[in-house]
Protein backbone atom coordinates (compact mmCIF):
# COMPACT_ATOMS: atom_id res chain seq x y z
CA MET A 1 -2.68 -4.44 -26.24
CA ASP A 2 -6.39 -3.98 -25.56
CA ASP A 3 -7.48 -4.05 -21.89
CA ARG A 4 -9.62 -7.10 -22.64
CA GLU A 5 -6.78 -9.17 -24.03
CA VAL A 6 -5.14 -11.60 -21.61
CA VAL A 7 -1.89 -13.33 -22.52
CA SER A 8 -0.89 -16.83 -21.50
CA GLY A 9 0.03 -17.06 -17.82
CA ALA A 10 -2.02 -14.08 -16.67
CA ASP A 11 -4.51 -16.24 -14.78
CA ALA A 12 -1.75 -17.26 -12.38
CA TYR A 13 -1.88 -13.71 -10.98
CA PRO A 14 -5.42 -12.78 -9.90
CA PRO A 15 -5.60 -9.04 -9.21
CA ILE A 16 -5.80 -7.64 -5.70
CA ASP A 17 -9.31 -6.66 -4.67
CA ARG A 18 -9.62 -2.94 -4.01
CA ALA A 19 -11.16 -3.65 -0.60
CA GLU A 20 -7.82 -5.20 0.42
CA LEU A 21 -5.95 -1.95 -0.18
CA PRO A 22 -5.71 0.42 2.81
CA ASP A 23 -7.33 3.80 2.15
CA ASP A 24 -4.51 5.63 3.92
CA THR A 25 -1.49 6.58 1.79
CA VAL A 26 1.23 5.66 4.28
CA ALA A 27 -0.47 2.37 5.14
CA LEU A 28 -0.79 1.58 1.43
CA ALA A 29 2.88 2.36 0.80
CA ARG A 30 3.80 -0.23 3.44
CA ALA A 31 1.13 -2.73 2.34
CA LEU A 32 2.36 -2.71 -1.27
CA ILE A 33 5.78 -3.99 -0.19
CA GLY A 34 5.87 -7.65 -1.24
CA LYS A 35 2.97 -7.33 -3.68
CA LEU A 36 3.48 -7.90 -7.41
CA VAL A 37 3.30 -5.59 -10.39
CA VAL A 38 2.20 -7.69 -13.38
CA ARG A 39 2.49 -6.50 -16.98
CA ALA A 40 0.93 -8.35 -19.92
CA LEU A 41 2.95 -7.81 -23.10
CA PRO A 42 2.59 -9.45 -26.52
CA GLU A 43 5.74 -11.47 -25.74
CA GLY A 44 4.37 -12.74 -22.43
CA ILE A 45 3.92 -11.90 -18.76
CA VAL A 46 6.46 -9.69 -17.02
CA SER A 47 6.29 -9.28 -13.25
CA GLY A 48 8.23 -8.12 -10.22
CA ARG A 49 7.85 -8.03 -6.45
CA ILE A 50 7.64 -4.53 -4.96
CA VAL A 51 10.60 -3.91 -2.64
CA GLU A 52 10.55 -0.11 -2.35
CA THR A 53 7.83 2.57 -2.30
CA GLU A 54 7.38 6.24 -1.45
CA ALA A 55 4.21 7.84 -0.05
CA TYR A 56 2.94 11.26 -1.18
CA ILE A 57 0.31 12.33 1.33
CA VAL A 58 -2.31 15.07 1.79
CA GLY A 59 -0.65 18.47 2.26
CA ASP A 60 2.68 17.16 0.96
CA ALA A 61 4.54 19.91 -0.90
CA ALA A 62 6.50 17.25 -2.79
CA GLY A 63 3.31 15.62 -4.12
CA HIS A 64 1.90 16.35 -7.54
CA GLY A 65 -1.56 16.83 -6.01
CA PHE A 66 -0.44 19.60 -3.65
CA ARG A 67 -1.78 22.46 -5.81
CA GLY A 68 -4.87 20.64 -7.02
CA MET A 69 -5.98 18.63 -10.03
CA THR A 70 -4.58 19.29 -13.50
CA PRO A 71 -4.90 17.38 -16.80
CA ARG A 72 -1.49 15.85 -16.05
CA ASN A 73 -2.18 14.58 -12.53
CA ARG A 74 -5.91 13.81 -12.61
CA SER A 75 -5.28 10.05 -12.30
CA MET A 76 -3.76 10.73 -8.88
CA PHE A 77 -7.24 11.88 -7.79
CA LEU A 78 -8.94 8.59 -8.73
CA GLU A 79 -10.08 6.08 -6.12
CA ARG A 80 -7.22 4.07 -4.62
CA GLY A 81 -5.75 1.37 -6.84
CA HIS A 82 -5.43 3.26 -10.14
CA ALA A 83 -2.24 3.92 -12.08
CA TYR A 84 -0.82 7.42 -12.19
CA VAL A 85 1.95 7.42 -14.81
CA TYR A 86 3.95 10.51 -15.63
CA LEU A 87 7.18 11.48 -17.38
CA ALA A 88 9.82 12.81 -14.97
CA TYR A 89 12.34 15.40 -16.19
CA GLY A 90 11.43 14.55 -19.78
CA ILE A 91 13.36 11.27 -19.44
CA SER A 92 11.81 8.52 -17.30
CA MET A 93 8.29 7.21 -16.77
CA MET A 94 7.15 6.79 -13.16
CA LEU A 95 4.49 4.34 -11.95
CA ASN A 96 2.36 5.46 -9.01
CA VAL A 97 -0.73 4.00 -7.35
CA SER A 98 -3.55 6.38 -6.37
CA SER A 99 -4.05 5.90 -2.68
CA GLU A 100 -7.18 7.35 -1.10
CA ALA A 101 -10.80 8.27 -1.89
CA ALA A 102 -11.73 9.77 -5.25
CA GLY A 103 -10.97 13.48 -5.32
CA ILE A 104 -7.95 13.30 -2.97
CA GLY A 105 -4.65 13.79 -4.81
CA THR A 106 -2.35 11.33 -3.07
CA GLY A 107 -0.30 8.40 -4.29
CA VAL A 108 2.42 5.83 -3.80
CA LEU A 109 5.44 5.78 -6.10
CA ILE A 110 6.70 2.28 -6.94
CA ARG A 111 10.46 2.77 -6.63
CA ALA A 112 11.87 -0.72 -7.16
CA LEU A 113 10.92 -4.29 -8.03
CA GLU A 114 12.60 -7.66 -7.62
CA PRO A 115 12.31 -9.23 -11.10
CA LEU A 116 10.29 -12.46 -11.29
CA ASP A 117 8.71 -13.36 -14.64
CA GLY A 118 9.80 -12.34 -18.11
CA ILE A 119 13.38 -11.50 -17.21
CA GLU A 120 14.56 -11.91 -20.80
CA ILE A 121 11.82 -9.53 -21.93
CA MET A 122 12.99 -7.03 -19.31
CA ARG A 123 16.57 -7.38 -20.53
CA ALA A 124 15.49 -6.65 -24.08
CA ASN A 125 13.43 -3.65 -22.95
CA ARG A 126 16.31 -2.27 -20.91
CA GLY A 127 19.08 -3.19 -23.34
CA LEU A 128 21.26 -4.74 -20.64
CA ASP A 129 21.87 -8.10 -18.97
CA ARG A 130 22.68 -7.35 -15.32
CA LEU A 131 19.73 -8.65 -13.27
CA ARG A 132 20.24 -6.23 -10.39
CA ASP A 133 19.86 -3.19 -12.62
CA LEU A 134 16.71 -4.21 -14.50
CA THR A 135 14.13 -2.80 -12.07
CA ARG A 136 16.19 -1.06 -9.37
CA GLY A 137 14.71 2.42 -9.53
CA PRO A 138 11.40 3.86 -10.75
CA GLY A 139 12.56 4.83 -14.24
CA ARG A 140 14.30 1.51 -14.77
CA LEU A 141 11.30 -0.57 -13.71
CA ALA A 142 9.00 1.44 -15.98
CA GLN A 143 11.31 0.83 -18.93
CA ALA A 144 11.70 -2.87 -18.07
CA LEU A 145 7.92 -3.35 -17.92
CA ARG A 146 7.31 -1.02 -20.89
CA ILE A 147 5.12 1.30 -18.82
CA ASP A 148 4.13 4.53 -20.53
CA ARG A 149 1.45 7.21 -20.45
CA SER A 150 -1.00 4.97 -22.30
CA LEU A 151 -1.45 3.14 -18.95
CA ASP A 152 -2.21 6.32 -16.99
CA GLY A 153 -5.54 6.02 -15.17
CA LEU A 154 -5.71 2.23 -15.55
CA ASP A 155 -7.52 0.28 -12.83
CA LEU A 156 -4.79 -1.83 -11.22
CA CYS A 157 -7.40 -3.95 -9.41
CA ARG A 158 -8.53 -5.69 -12.58
CA GLN A 159 -6.66 -7.87 -15.02
CA GLY A 160 -5.54 -6.08 -18.16
CA PRO A 161 -2.27 -4.73 -19.50
CA LEU A 162 -1.03 -3.87 -15.98
CA TRP A 163 -2.26 -4.83 -12.51
CA LEU A 164 -1.36 -5.54 -8.88
CA ALA A 165 -1.32 -9.10 -7.50
CA HIS A 166 -0.45 -10.86 -4.27
CA GLY A 167 3.07 -12.17 -3.74
CA GLU A 168 3.77 -15.77 -2.79
CA SER A 169 6.17 -15.11 0.07
CA GLU A 170 6.75 -12.71 2.94
CA ALA A 171 8.29 -9.44 1.86
CA GLY A 172 10.87 -9.37 4.65
CA GLU A 173 11.57 -6.74 7.30
CA ILE A 174 10.40 -3.30 6.18
CA GLY A 175 12.58 -0.26 6.85
CA ALA A 176 11.77 3.44 6.44
CA SER A 177 13.75 6.50 5.42
CA VAL A 178 13.34 9.95 3.95
CA ARG A 179 12.43 10.09 0.26
CA ILE A 180 14.98 10.34 -2.54
CA GLY A 181 15.49 13.10 -5.08
CA ILE A 182 13.14 15.74 -3.66
CA THR A 183 13.72 19.13 -2.03
CA LYS A 184 10.27 19.98 -0.61
CA ASP A 185 9.16 18.18 2.57
CA ALA A 186 12.35 16.18 2.19
CA ASP A 187 12.66 15.24 5.87
CA ARG A 188 9.54 13.07 6.06
CA PRO A 189 10.22 9.32 6.59
CA LEU A 190 7.85 8.24 3.82
CA ARG A 191 10.06 5.85 1.87
CA PHE A 192 9.65 2.14 2.64
CA TYR A 193 11.87 -0.72 1.54
CA VAL A 194 12.79 -4.34 2.22
CA ARG A 195 15.88 -4.40 4.41
CA GLY A 196 18.81 -6.19 2.80
CA ASN A 197 17.14 -6.64 -0.59
CA PRO A 198 19.66 -6.04 -3.42
CA PHE A 199 17.01 -4.54 -5.70
CA VAL A 200 16.27 -1.53 -3.46
CA SER A 201 17.24 1.53 -5.47
CA GLY A 202 19.41 3.47 -3.06
CA THR A 203 21.28 3.32 0.23
CA LYS A 204 20.31 6.71 1.70
CA LEU A 205 19.54 6.35 5.43
CA LEU A 206 18.77 2.66 5.15
CA ASN A 207 19.65 2.14 8.79
CA ARG A 208 16.26 3.40 9.99
């Protein structure tokens, strides 16, 4: 789908203005909780409410920007509010949001969504029916929303094939824990999630 094409229903989700996004990575990771990821597909609009994020900050050995810019991670160095999409372990796509000023390699990983629109499309994309498992985890949500490397570098603050929008309700109480599935800088409490939400991807240290 061309960036200029807008499918029916897209106008119900005006994109977030970049000025509304904090220019600090940790603050952005918290601020994105409760916001929407909206995907325009030929079949219709697919969307979900963000219920879990992870921050990857300046000087973070677990971050892809730690050793500088490469052809693979250059979207992470864009001004805040751009998509950084990469393939993890040769298996799963991961959706991240660039998080600070241009030239700073930081980002926020979108770890889990609560499905809203286009649930049947998500089910077809995932090849399963169970609602709880459609977008619970970064690889799952990318598959459910058909997110791939063609969206890498996309401006998420403008309407197109993928963007960020405001949610209609309060996100709920936000908890924090260490991040999942990393070995470097693994003790930093940079994972944020909605307490008690069934679509959060894991249960590690959720009592914080």
